Amino acid sequence: MALPKRKVSHARQGDRRAHLALRAPHLVECEHCHSQRRAHHACPTCGWYNGRQAIELKKKKGSEAGS
């Protein structure tokens, strides 16, 4: 098995890992409910995407009007 001839310096190691930084996701405003959602994803609040109801969201137990 091959082994490196010399130790990799911290600068070279950092250059190799330069693209591994985490970024905040790009958020856009939902056209239907105006909450923040990820770009090119259905809205987690209302379920709309591209001007139509893309997914049907489940009702939460505590948010029922009859209780």
C-alpha atoms as a PDB file:
ATOM      1  CA  MET A   1       0.000   0.000   0.000  1.00  0.00           C
ATOM      2  CA  ALA A   2       1.313   3.440  -0.950  1.00  0.00           C
ATOM      3  CA  LEU A   3       2.253   5.908   1.782  1.00  0.00           C
ATOM      4  CA  PRO A   4       2.864   9.650   1.541  1.00  0.00           C
ATOM      5  CA  LYS A   5       6.537  10.605   1.403  1.00  0.00           C
ATOM      6  CA  ARG A   6       6.106  13.779   3.486  1.00  0.00           C
ATOM      7  CA  LYS A   7       3.613  15.245   5.927  1.00  0.00           C
ATOM      8  CA  VAL A   8       0.937  17.432   4.302  1.00  0.00           C
ATOM      9  CA  SER A   9       1.188  20.984   5.649  1.00  0.00           C
ATOM     10  CA  HIS A  10      -1.774  22.722   7.268  1.00  0.00           C
ATOM     11  CA  ALA A  11      -1.976  25.178   4.358  1.00  0.00           C
ATOM     12  CA  ARG A  12      -2.251  22.411   1.753  1.00  0.00           C
ATOM     13  CA  GLN A  13      -4.728  20.553   3.920  1.00  0.00           C
ATOM     14  CA  GLY A  14      -6.825  23.742   4.167  1.00  0.00           C
ATOM     15  CA  ASP A  15      -6.676  24.269   0.402  1.00  0.00           C
ATOM     16  CA  ARG A  16      -7.988  20.757  -0.128  1.00  0.00           C
ATOM     17  CA  ARG A  17     -10.875  21.350   2.284  1.00  0.00           C
ATOM     18  CA  ALA A  18     -11.710  24.863   1.050  1.00  0.00           C
ATOM     19  CA  HIS A  19     -14.956  23.736  -0.622  1.00  0.00           C
ATOM     20  CA  LEU A  20     -16.293  21.863   2.434  1.00  0.00           C
ATOM     21  CA  ALA A  21     -17.646  24.929   4.290  1.00  0.00           C
ATOM     22  CA  LEU A  22     -21.337  24.904   5.239  1.00  0.00           C
ATOM     23  CA  ARG A  23     -23.629  27.626   3.932  1.00  0.00           C
ATOM     24  CA  ALA A  24     -27.083  28.766   4.974  1.00  0.00           C
ATOM     25  CA  PRO A  25     -29.785  27.519   2.574  1.00  0.00           C
ATOM     26  CA  HIS A  26     -31.076  30.013   0.009  1.00  0.00           C
ATOM     27  CA  LEU A  27     -34.556  31.098   1.114  1.00  0.00           C
ATOM     28  CA  VAL A  28     -37.260  32.746  -0.983  1.00  0.00           C
ATOM     29  CA  GLU A  29     -40.741  34.003  -0.124  1.00  0.00           C
ATOM     30  CA  CYS A  30     -43.696  31.690  -0.776  1.00  0.00           C
ATOM     31  CA  GLU A  31     -46.107  33.262  -3.295  1.00  0.00           C
ATOM     32  CA  HIS A  32     -49.121  31.762  -1.526  1.00  0.00           C
ATOM     33  CA  CYS A  33     -48.559  32.286   2.232  1.00  0.00           C
ATOM     34  CA  HIS A  34     -45.517  34.648   2.135  1.00  0.00           C
ATOM     35  CA  SER A  35     -43.450  32.561   4.570  1.00  0.00           C
ATOM     36  CA  GLN A  36     -39.813  31.680   3.915  1.00  0.00           C
ATOM     37  CA  ARG A  37     -39.131  28.430   2.031  1.00  0.00           C
ATOM     38  CA  ARG A  38     -36.162  26.848   0.258  1.00  0.00           C
ATOM     39  CA  ALA A  39     -35.797  27.651  -3.417  1.00  0.00           C
ATOM     40  CA  HIS A  40     -37.175  24.950  -5.768  1.00  0.00           C
ATOM     41  CA  HIS A  41     -38.953  23.159  -2.886  1.00  0.00           C
ATOM     42  CA  ALA A  42     -42.598  22.998  -1.849  1.00  0.00           C
ATOM     43  CA  CYS A  43     -43.526  25.344   1.004  1.00  0.00           C
ATOM     44  CA  PRO A  44     -43.396  23.499   4.363  1.00  0.00           C
ATOM     45  CA  THR A  45     -46.141  25.787   5.747  1.00  0.00           C
ATOM     46  CA  CYS A  46     -48.839  25.568   3.065  1.00  0.00           C
ATOM     47  CA  GLY A  47     -47.588  22.873   0.636  1.00  0.00           C
ATOM     48  CA  TRP A  48     -47.748  25.069  -2.489  1.00  0.00           C
ATOM     49  CA  TYR A  49     -45.148  25.029  -5.278  1.00  0.00           C
ATOM     50  CA  ASN A  50     -45.174  26.644  -8.722  1.00  0.00           C
ATOM     51  CA  GLY A  51     -48.674  28.101  -8.294  1.00  0.00           C
ATOM     52  CA  ARG A  52     -50.439  24.882  -7.244  1.00  0.00           C
ATOM     53  CA  GLN A  53     -50.988  22.641  -4.222  1.00  0.00           C
ATOM     54  CA  ALA A  54     -48.025  20.255  -4.557  1.00  0.00           C
ATOM     55  CA  ILE A  55     -48.297  18.309  -1.286  1.00  0.00           C
ATOM     56  CA  GLU A  56     -51.098  17.765   1.218  1.00  0.00           C
ATOM     57  CA  LEU A  57     -49.947  18.614   4.734  1.00  0.00           C
ATOM     58  CA  LYS A  58     -51.094  16.620   7.754  1.00  0.00           C
ATOM     59  CA  LYS A  59     -53.145  18.428  10.379  1.00  0.00           C
ATOM     60  CA  LYS A  60     -51.510  18.747  13.797  1.00  0.00           C
ATOM     61  CA  LYS A  61     -53.392  17.314  16.779  1.00  0.00           C
ATOM     62  CA  GLY A  62     -53.281  20.540  18.807  1.00  0.00           C
ATOM     63  CA  SER A  63     -54.483  22.823  16.005  1.00  0.00           C
ATOM     64  CA  GLU A  64     -58.010  21.424  15.614  1.00  0.00           C
ATOM     65  CA  ALA A  65     -60.812  24.012  15.914  1.00  0.00           C
ATOM     66  CA  GLY A  66     -63.260  21.618  17.597  1.00  0.00           C
ATOM     67  CA  SER A  67     -61.205  21.006  20.739  1.00  0.00           C
END
